[in-house]
Amino acid sequence: MAAVAGATRRRDGNVTQERMLEEAMAMIAEEGLTSLTMSALAERLGTSGGHILYYFGSKDLLLLAALRWSEAALTGERAALLARRIPAERKLDLFLRLYLPRGPRDPRWTLWIELWARTPGNTALREAQDALDQGWQEDLESLLTAGVARRRFAPLDATARASELLALLDGLSTRVVLGQESGRDARPALEAARSAARLLIAPYAPDTPRTEET
């Protein structure tokens, strides 16, 4: 850790904005959200709390920036997934895995839950979260629409089905992060998500020819 911290420092004790977000996410994963204070993050990075405040202004804005930074990486992963030449059923399964938390200490989902609690009365924060949610919604709709077109899924309302499945995934993810799943393990949530997906998204009728993936 000393070597990493040393690498983040500059001659004047400043660190890059991206490095602040990396370390904020690492602190959440290692110690939980309560450990993340401006002073603790500054000490970890070898800089001042004022330098961090210069970039983010408040803890709420730091948390939102960290969530956006984390989600940006997943946006790229979703694009790569949608571009893969694999059956739509397999894409959907990989989408579920990508959406769900990896375990109770998943920092991205810890941030989502914390910021959800802060949105009442905070229009800017709610709008920012809505924009992040919309990316998942649009990509899942695209996946389902392509699956129908290739006769992997039965005809469906892609917008409605995507909204329903994402709402269910949010609930499952919250249970994982709060440690309510069996054994504090993400695997039961994944199995539940798969079962729900099978109920919401029917396969194409077996007596109708399917087109090959292109």
C-alpha atoms as a PDB file:
ATOM      1  CA  MET A   1       0.000   0.000   0.000  1.00  0.00           C
ATOM      2  CA  ALA A   2       2.885   2.371   0.767  1.00  0.00           C
ATOM      3  CA  ALA A   3       4.235   1.939  -2.749  1.00  0.00           C
ATOM      4  CA  VAL A   4       0.834   2.612  -4.263  1.00  0.00           C
ATOM      5  CA  ALA A   5       0.258   5.678  -2.122  1.00  0.00           C
ATOM      6  CA  GLY A   6       3.696   6.991  -2.987  1.00  0.00           C
ATOM      7  CA  ALA A   7       2.991   6.571  -6.674  1.00  0.00           C
ATOM      8  CA  THR A   8      -0.100   8.764  -6.401  1.00  0.00           C
ATOM      9  CA  ARG A   9       1.734  11.715  -4.912  1.00  0.00           C
ATOM     10  CA  ARG A  10       3.113  14.667  -6.812  1.00  0.00           C
ATOM     11  CA  ARG A  11       5.714  17.130  -5.635  1.00  0.00           C
ATOM     12  CA  ASP A  12       3.069  19.401  -4.141  1.00  0.00           C
ATOM     13  CA  GLY A  13       1.094  16.566  -2.543  1.00  0.00           C
ATOM     14  CA  ASN A  14      -1.668  16.726  -5.160  1.00  0.00           C
ATOM     15  CA  VAL A  15      -3.184  13.691  -6.833  1.00  0.00           C
ATOM     16  CA  THR A  16      -5.247  13.289  -9.967  1.00  0.00           C
ATOM     17  CA  GLN A  17      -9.027  13.304  -9.862  1.00  0.00           C
ATOM     18  CA  GLU A  18      -9.151   9.763 -11.273  1.00  0.00           C
ATOM     19  CA  ARG A  19      -6.824   8.525  -8.545  1.00  0.00           C
ATOM     20  CA  MET A  20      -9.085  10.030  -5.912  1.00  0.00           C
ATOM     21  CA  LEU A  21     -12.002   8.073  -7.334  1.00  0.00           C
ATOM     22  CA  GLU A  22      -9.971   4.856  -7.523  1.00  0.00           C
ATOM     23  CA  GLU A  23      -8.978   5.159  -3.882  1.00  0.00           C
ATOM     24  CA  ALA A  24     -12.501   6.127  -2.798  1.00  0.00           C
ATOM     25  CA  MET A  25     -13.841   2.944  -4.384  1.00  0.00           C
ATOM     26  CA  ALA A  26     -11.031   0.904  -2.815  1.00  0.00           C
ATOM     27  CA  MET A  27     -11.843   2.301   0.645  1.00  0.00           C
ATOM     28  CA  ILE A  28     -15.515   1.414   0.254  1.00  0.00           C
ATOM     29  CA  ALA A  29     -14.638  -2.142  -0.827  1.00  0.00           C
ATOM     30  CA  GLU A  30     -12.162  -2.643   1.995  1.00  0.00           C
ATOM     31  CA  GLU A  31     -13.815  -0.917   4.931  1.00  0.00           C
ATOM     32  CA  GLY A  32     -17.344   0.094   3.956  1.00  0.00           C
ATOM     33  CA  LEU A  33     -18.851   3.466   3.185  1.00  0.00           C
ATOM     34  CA  THR A  34     -18.603   4.825   6.720  1.00  0.00           C
ATOM     35  CA  SER A  35     -14.814   4.762   6.393  1.00  0.00           C
ATOM     36  CA  LEU A  36     -14.903   7.170   3.474  1.00  0.00           C
ATOM     37  CA  THR A  37     -14.478  10.695   4.782  1.00  0.00           C
ATOM     38  CA  MET A  38     -12.694  13.544   3.085  1.00  0.00           C
ATOM     39  CA  SER A  39      -9.972  13.532   5.736  1.00  0.00           C
ATOM     40  CA  ALA A  40      -9.466   9.756   5.579  1.00  0.00           C
ATOM     41  CA  LEU A  41      -9.266   9.811   1.789  1.00  0.00           C
ATOM     42  CA  ALA A  42      -6.834  12.724   1.890  1.00  0.00           C
ATOM     43  CA  GLU A  43      -4.599  10.897   4.377  1.00  0.00           C
ATOM     44  CA  ARG A  44      -4.633   7.760   2.230  1.00  0.00           C
ATOM     45  CA  LEU A  45      -3.608   9.757  -0.823  1.00  0.00           C
ATOM     46  CA  GLY A  46      -1.056  11.947   0.896  1.00  0.00           C
ATOM     47  CA  THR A  47      -2.847  15.170   0.022  1.00  0.00           C
ATOM     48  CA  SER A  48      -5.158  17.639   1.745  1.00  0.00           C
ATOM     49  CA  GLY A  49      -8.877  17.534   2.312  1.00  0.00           C
ATOM     50  CA  GLY A  50      -9.058  20.964   0.680  1.00  0.00           C
ATOM     51  CA  HIS A  51      -7.587  19.563  -2.531  1.00  0.00           C
ATOM     52  CA  ILE A  52     -10.303  16.910  -2.691  1.00  0.00           C
ATOM     53  CA  LEU A  53     -13.001  19.482  -1.927  1.00  0.00           C
ATOM     54  CA  TYR A  54     -11.653  21.648  -4.752  1.00  0.00           C
ATOM     55  CA  TYR A  55     -12.595  18.913  -7.233  1.00  0.00           C
ATOM     56  CA  PHE A  56     -15.811  17.606  -5.708  1.00  0.00           C
ATOM     57  CA  GLY A  57     -17.213  20.251  -3.357  1.00  0.00           C
ATOM     58  CA  SER A  58     -18.938  17.828  -0.988  1.00  0.00           C
ATOM     59  CA  LYS A  59     -19.068  14.185  -0.020  1.00  0.00           C
ATOM     60  CA  ASP A  60     -22.323  13.726  -1.938  1.00  0.00           C
ATOM     61  CA  LEU A  61     -20.652  14.943  -5.125  1.00  0.00           C
ATOM     62  CA  LEU A  62     -17.616  12.757  -4.471  1.00  0.00           C
ATOM     63  CA  LEU A  63     -19.866   9.704  -4.112  1.00  0.00           C
ATOM     64  CA  LEU A  64     -21.750  10.555  -7.295  1.00  0.00           C
ATOM     65  CA  ALA A  65     -18.500  11.073  -9.215  1.00  0.00           C
ATOM     66  CA  ALA A  66     -17.208   7.725  -7.959  1.00  0.00           C
ATOM     67  CA  LEU A  67     -20.411   6.021  -9.081  1.00  0.00           C
ATOM     68  CA  ARG A  68     -20.232   7.658 -12.512  1.00  0.00           C
ATOM     69  CA  TRP A  69     -16.598   6.601 -12.848  1.00  0.00           C
ATOM     70  CA  SER A  70     -17.480   3.011 -11.964  1.00  0.00           C
ATOM     71  CA  GLU A  71     -20.476   2.982 -14.301  1.00  0.00           C
ATOM     72  CA  ALA A  72     -18.393   4.338 -17.184  1.00  0.00           C
ATOM     73  CA  ALA A  73     -16.286   1.185 -17.122  1.00  0.00           C
ATOM     74  CA  LEU A  74     -19.417  -0.976 -17.172  1.00  0.00           C
ATOM     75  CA  THR A  75     -20.807   0.992 -20.107  1.00  0.00           C
ATOM     76  CA  GLY A  76     -17.822  -0.187 -22.113  1.00  0.00           C
ATOM     77  CA  GLU A  77     -18.290  -3.755 -20.942  1.00  0.00           C
ATOM     78  CA  ARG A  78     -21.963  -3.682 -21.965  1.00  0.00           C
ATOM     79  CA  ALA A  79     -21.081  -2.389 -25.418  1.00  0.00           C
ATOM     80  CA  ALA A  80     -18.551  -5.173 -25.856  1.00  0.00           C
ATOM     81  CA  LEU A  81     -21.110  -7.737 -24.689  1.00  0.00           C
ATOM     82  CA  LEU A  82     -23.784  -6.531 -27.105  1.00  0.00           C
ATOM     83  CA  ALA A  83     -21.292  -6.713 -29.965  1.00  0.00           C
ATOM     84  CA  ARG A  84     -20.362 -10.351 -29.298  1.00  0.00           C
ATOM     85  CA  ARG A  85     -21.553 -13.006 -31.752  1.00  0.00           C
ATOM     86  CA  ILE A  86     -23.132 -15.337 -29.256  1.00  0.00           C
ATOM     87  CA  PRO A  87     -26.766 -16.445 -28.755  1.00  0.00           C
ATOM     88  CA  ALA A  88     -29.058 -13.870 -27.167  1.00  0.00           C
ATOM     89  CA  GLU A  89     -29.736 -16.233 -24.237  1.00  0.00           C
ATOM     90  CA  ARG A  90     -26.049 -16.253 -23.402  1.00  0.00           C
ATOM     91  CA  LYS A  91     -25.836 -12.478 -23.741  1.00  0.00           C
ATOM     92  CA  LEU A  92     -28.738 -12.091 -21.346  1.00  0.00           C
ATOM     93  CA  ASP A  93     -27.085 -14.341 -18.793  1.00  0.00           C
ATOM     94  CA  LEU A  94     -23.845 -12.362 -19.013  1.00  0.00           C
ATOM     95  CA  PHE A  95     -25.840  -9.131 -18.683  1.00  0.00           C
ATOM     96  CA  LEU A  96     -27.350 -10.408 -15.437  1.00  0.00           C
ATOM     97  CA  ARG A  97     -23.890 -11.233 -14.107  1.00  0.00           C
ATOM     98  CA  LEU A  98     -22.612  -7.791 -15.063  1.00  0.00           C
ATOM     99  CA  TYR A  99     -25.505  -6.020 -13.357  1.00  0.00           C
ATOM    100  CA  LEU A 100     -25.524  -7.887 -10.052  1.00  0.00           C
ATOM    101  CA  PRO A 101     -23.021  -7.148  -7.266  1.00  0.00           C
ATOM    102  CA  ARG A 102     -20.080  -9.475  -6.765  1.00  0.00           C
ATOM    103  CA  GLY A 103     -20.780  -9.714  -3.039  1.00  0.00           C
ATOM    104  CA  PRO A 104     -21.753  -7.751   0.096  1.00  0.00           C
ATOM    105  CA  ARG A 105     -18.742  -5.439  -0.221  1.00  0.00           C
ATOM    106  CA  ASP A 106     -19.317  -4.510  -3.851  1.00  0.00           C
ATOM    107  CA  PRO A 107     -18.413  -0.780  -3.810  1.00  0.00           C
ATOM    108  CA  ARG A 108     -20.509   0.174  -6.824  1.00  0.00           C
ATOM    109  CA  TRP A 109     -23.686  -1.228  -5.306  1.00  0.00           C
ATOM    110  CA  THR A 110     -22.848   0.214  -1.907  1.00  0.00           C
ATOM    111  CA  LEU A 111     -22.757   3.611  -3.600  1.00  0.00           C
ATOM    112  CA  TRP A 112     -26.038   3.044  -5.423  1.00  0.00           C
ATOM    113  CA  ILE A 113     -27.853   2.194  -2.203  1.00  0.00           C
ATOM    114  CA  GLU A 114     -26.351   5.149  -0.337  1.00  0.00           C
ATOM    115  CA  LEU A 115     -27.219   7.617  -3.085  1.00  0.00           C
ATOM    116  CA  TRP A 116     -30.755   6.252  -3.459  1.00  0.00           C
ATOM    117  CA  ALA A 117     -31.283   7.230   0.187  1.00  0.00           C
ATOM    118  CA  ARG A 118     -30.049  10.758  -0.534  1.00  0.00           C
ATOM    119  CA  THR A 119     -32.185  11.490  -3.608  1.00  0.00           C
ATOM    120  CA  PRO A 120     -35.426  12.686  -1.946  1.00  0.00           C
ATOM    121  CA  GLY A 121     -35.365  16.446  -2.243  1.00  0.00           C
ATOM    122  CA  ASN A 122     -32.172  16.403  -4.313  1.00  0.00           C
ATOM    123  CA  THR A 123     -33.264  16.863  -7.919  1.00  0.00           C
ATOM    124  CA  ALA A 124     -29.744  17.020  -9.385  1.00  0.00           C
ATOM    125  CA  LEU A 125     -28.735  13.769  -7.722  1.00  0.00           C
ATOM    126  CA  ARG A 126     -31.921  12.011  -8.824  1.00  0.00           C
ATOM    127  CA  GLU A 127     -31.483  13.171 -12.420  1.00  0.00           C
ATOM    128  CA  ALA A 128     -27.877  11.964 -12.461  1.00  0.00           C
ATOM    129  CA  GLN A 129     -28.913   8.535 -11.223  1.00  0.00           C
ATOM    130  CA  ASP A 130     -31.755   8.386 -13.745  1.00  0.00           C
ATOM    131  CA  ALA A 131     -29.274   9.008 -16.548  1.00  0.00           C
ATOM    132  CA  LEU A 132     -27.088   6.125 -15.366  1.00  0.00           C
ATOM    133  CA  ASP A 133     -30.118   3.842 -15.070  1.00  0.00           C
ATOM    134  CA  GLN A 134     -31.221   4.756 -18.579  1.00  0.00           C
ATOM    135  CA  GLY A 135     -28.031   3.346 -20.059  1.00  0.00           C
ATOM    136  CA  TRP A 136     -28.763  -0.079 -18.575  1.00  0.00           C
ATOM    137  CA  GLN A 137     -32.390   0.143 -19.700  1.00  0.00           C
ATOM    138  CA  GLU A 138     -31.509   1.003 -23.287  1.00  0.00           C
ATOM    139  CA  ASP A 139     -28.863  -1.703 -23.585  1.00  0.00           C
ATOM    140  CA  LEU A 140     -31.166  -4.377 -22.184  1.00  0.00           C
ATOM    141  CA  GLU A 141     -33.929  -3.281 -24.548  1.00  0.00           C
ATOM    142  CA  SER A 142     -31.465  -3.560 -27.439  1.00  0.00           C
ATOM    143  CA  LEU A 143     -30.430  -7.040 -26.328  1.00  0.00           C
ATOM    144  CA  LEU A 144     -34.041  -8.227 -26.094  1.00  0.00           C
ATOM    145  CA  THR A 145     -35.050  -6.648 -29.394  1.00  0.00           C
ATOM    146  CA  ALA A 146     -32.143  -8.315 -31.172  1.00  0.00           C
ATOM    147  CA  GLY A 147     -33.053 -11.622 -29.549  1.00  0.00           C
ATOM    148  CA  VAL A 148     -36.592 -11.388 -30.880  1.00  0.00           C
ATOM    149  CA  ALA A 149     -35.362 -10.428 -34.349  1.00  0.00           C
ATOM    150  CA  ARG A 150     -33.089 -13.493 -34.421  1.00  0.00           C
ATOM    151  CA  ARG A 151     -35.906 -15.712 -33.129  1.00  0.00           C
ATOM    152  CA  ARG A 152     -34.172 -16.535 -29.886  1.00  0.00           C
ATOM    153  CA  PHE A 153     -36.915 -14.894 -27.784  1.00  0.00           C
ATOM    154  CA  ALA A 154     -40.661 -14.891 -28.313  1.00  0.00           C
ATOM    155  CA  PRO A 155     -42.182 -11.532 -29.332  1.00  0.00           C
ATOM    156  CA  LEU A 156     -42.317  -9.142 -26.370  1.00  0.00           C
ATOM    157  CA  ASP A 157     -42.508  -5.527 -25.289  1.00  0.00           C
ATOM    158  CA  ALA A 158     -38.780  -4.881 -24.853  1.00  0.00           C
ATOM    159  CA  THR A 159     -39.253  -1.665 -22.875  1.00  0.00           C
ATOM    160  CA  ALA A 160     -41.673  -3.212 -20.374  1.00  0.00           C
ATOM    161  CA  ARG A 161     -39.701  -6.422 -19.952  1.00  0.00           C
ATOM    162  CA  ALA A 162     -36.413  -4.574 -19.487  1.00  0.00           C
ATOM    163  CA  SER A 163     -37.948  -2.321 -16.827  1.00  0.00           C
ATOM    164  CA  GLU A 164     -39.430  -5.280 -14.963  1.00  0.00           C
ATOM    165  CA  LEU A 165     -36.223  -7.285 -15.012  1.00  0.00           C
ATOM    166  CA  LEU A 166     -34.065  -4.348 -13.933  1.00  0.00           C
ATOM    167  CA  ALA A 167     -36.412  -3.594 -11.026  1.00  0.00           C
ATOM    168  CA  LEU A 168     -36.080  -7.181  -9.890  1.00  0.00           C
ATOM    169  CA  LEU A 169     -32.293  -7.037 -10.247  1.00  0.00           C
ATOM    170  CA  ASP A 170     -32.212  -3.893  -8.106  1.00  0.00           C
ATOM    171  CA  GLY A 171     -34.050  -5.710  -5.331  1.00  0.00           C
ATOM    172  CA  LEU A 172     -31.796  -8.754  -5.509  1.00  0.00           C
ATOM    173  CA  SER A 173     -28.694  -6.578  -5.560  1.00  0.00           C
ATOM    174  CA  THR A 174     -29.820  -4.679  -2.479  1.00  0.00           C
ATOM    175  CA  ARG A 175     -30.299  -7.958  -0.606  1.00  0.00           C
ATOM    176  CA  VAL A 176     -26.784  -9.090  -1.521  1.00  0.00           C
ATOM    177  CA  VAL A 177     -25.141  -5.839  -0.408  1.00  0.00           C
ATOM    178  CA  LEU A 178     -27.121  -5.812   2.839  1.00  0.00           C
ATOM    179  CA  GLY A 179     -26.017  -9.391   3.501  1.00  0.00           C
ATOM    180  CA  GLN A 180     -29.535 -10.824   3.315  1.00  0.00           C
ATOM    181  CA  GLU A 181     -28.784 -13.546   0.764  1.00  0.00           C
ATOM    182  CA  SER A 182     -27.898 -17.034   2.000  1.00  0.00           C
ATOM    183  CA  GLY A 183     -24.322 -17.173   3.178  1.00  0.00           C
ATOM    184  CA  ARG A 184     -23.749 -13.529   2.207  1.00  0.00           C
ATOM    185  CA  ASP A 185     -23.158 -14.884  -1.283  1.00  0.00           C
ATOM    186  CA  ALA A 186     -24.137 -13.410  -4.646  1.00  0.00           C
ATOM    187  CA  ARG A 187     -24.853 -16.804  -6.236  1.00  0.00           C
ATOM    188  CA  PRO A 188     -28.443 -17.191  -4.931  1.00  0.00           C
ATOM    189  CA  ALA A 189     -29.237 -13.769  -6.392  1.00  0.00           C
ATOM    190  CA  LEU A 190     -27.893 -14.820  -9.784  1.00  0.00           C
ATOM    191  CA  GLU A 191     -29.996 -17.983  -9.746  1.00  0.00           C
ATOM    192  CA  ALA A 192     -33.076 -15.971  -8.777  1.00  0.00           C
ATOM    193  CA  ALA A 193     -32.358 -13.507 -11.592  1.00  0.00           C
ATOM    194  CA  ARG A 194     -32.054 -16.365 -14.083  1.00  0.00           C
ATOM    195  CA  SER A 195     -35.370 -17.818 -12.942  1.00  0.00           C
ATOM    196  CA  ALA A 196     -37.075 -14.446 -13.284  1.00  0.00           C
ATOM    197  CA  ALA A 197     -35.591 -13.927 -16.728  1.00  0.00           C
ATOM    198  CA  ARG A 198     -36.959 -17.287 -17.853  1.00  0.00           C
ATOM    199  CA  LEU A 199     -40.432 -16.284 -16.670  1.00  0.00           C
ATOM    200  CA  LEU A 200     -40.353 -12.798 -18.181  1.00  0.00           C
ATOM    201  CA  ILE A 201     -38.601 -13.617 -21.461  1.00  0.00           C
ATOM    202  CA  ALA A 202     -39.973 -16.684 -23.182  1.00  0.00           C
ATOM    203  CA  PRO A 203     -37.907 -18.567 -25.767  1.00  0.00           C
ATOM    204  CA  TYR A 204     -38.999 -18.582 -29.366  1.00  0.00           C
ATOM    205  CA  ALA A 205     -41.529 -21.328 -30.154  1.00  0.00           C
ATOM    206  CA  PRO A 206     -39.552 -24.555 -30.753  1.00  0.00           C
ATOM    207  CA  ASP A 207     -41.553 -25.489 -33.832  1.00  0.00           C
ATOM    208  CA  THR A 208     -40.561 -22.290 -35.632  1.00  0.00           C
ATOM    209  CA  PRO A 209     -37.148 -22.211 -37.387  1.00  0.00           C
ATOM    210  CA  ARG A 210     -34.543 -19.960 -35.810  1.00  0.00           C
ATOM    211  CA  THR A 211     -32.140 -17.835 -37.763  1.00  0.00           C
ATOM    212  CA  GLU A 212     -28.420 -18.230 -37.172  1.00  0.00           C
ATOM    213  CA  GLU A 213     -26.457 -15.603 -35.260  1.00  0.00           C
ATOM    214  CA  THR A 214     -24.642 -13.231 -37.593  1.00  0.00           C
END
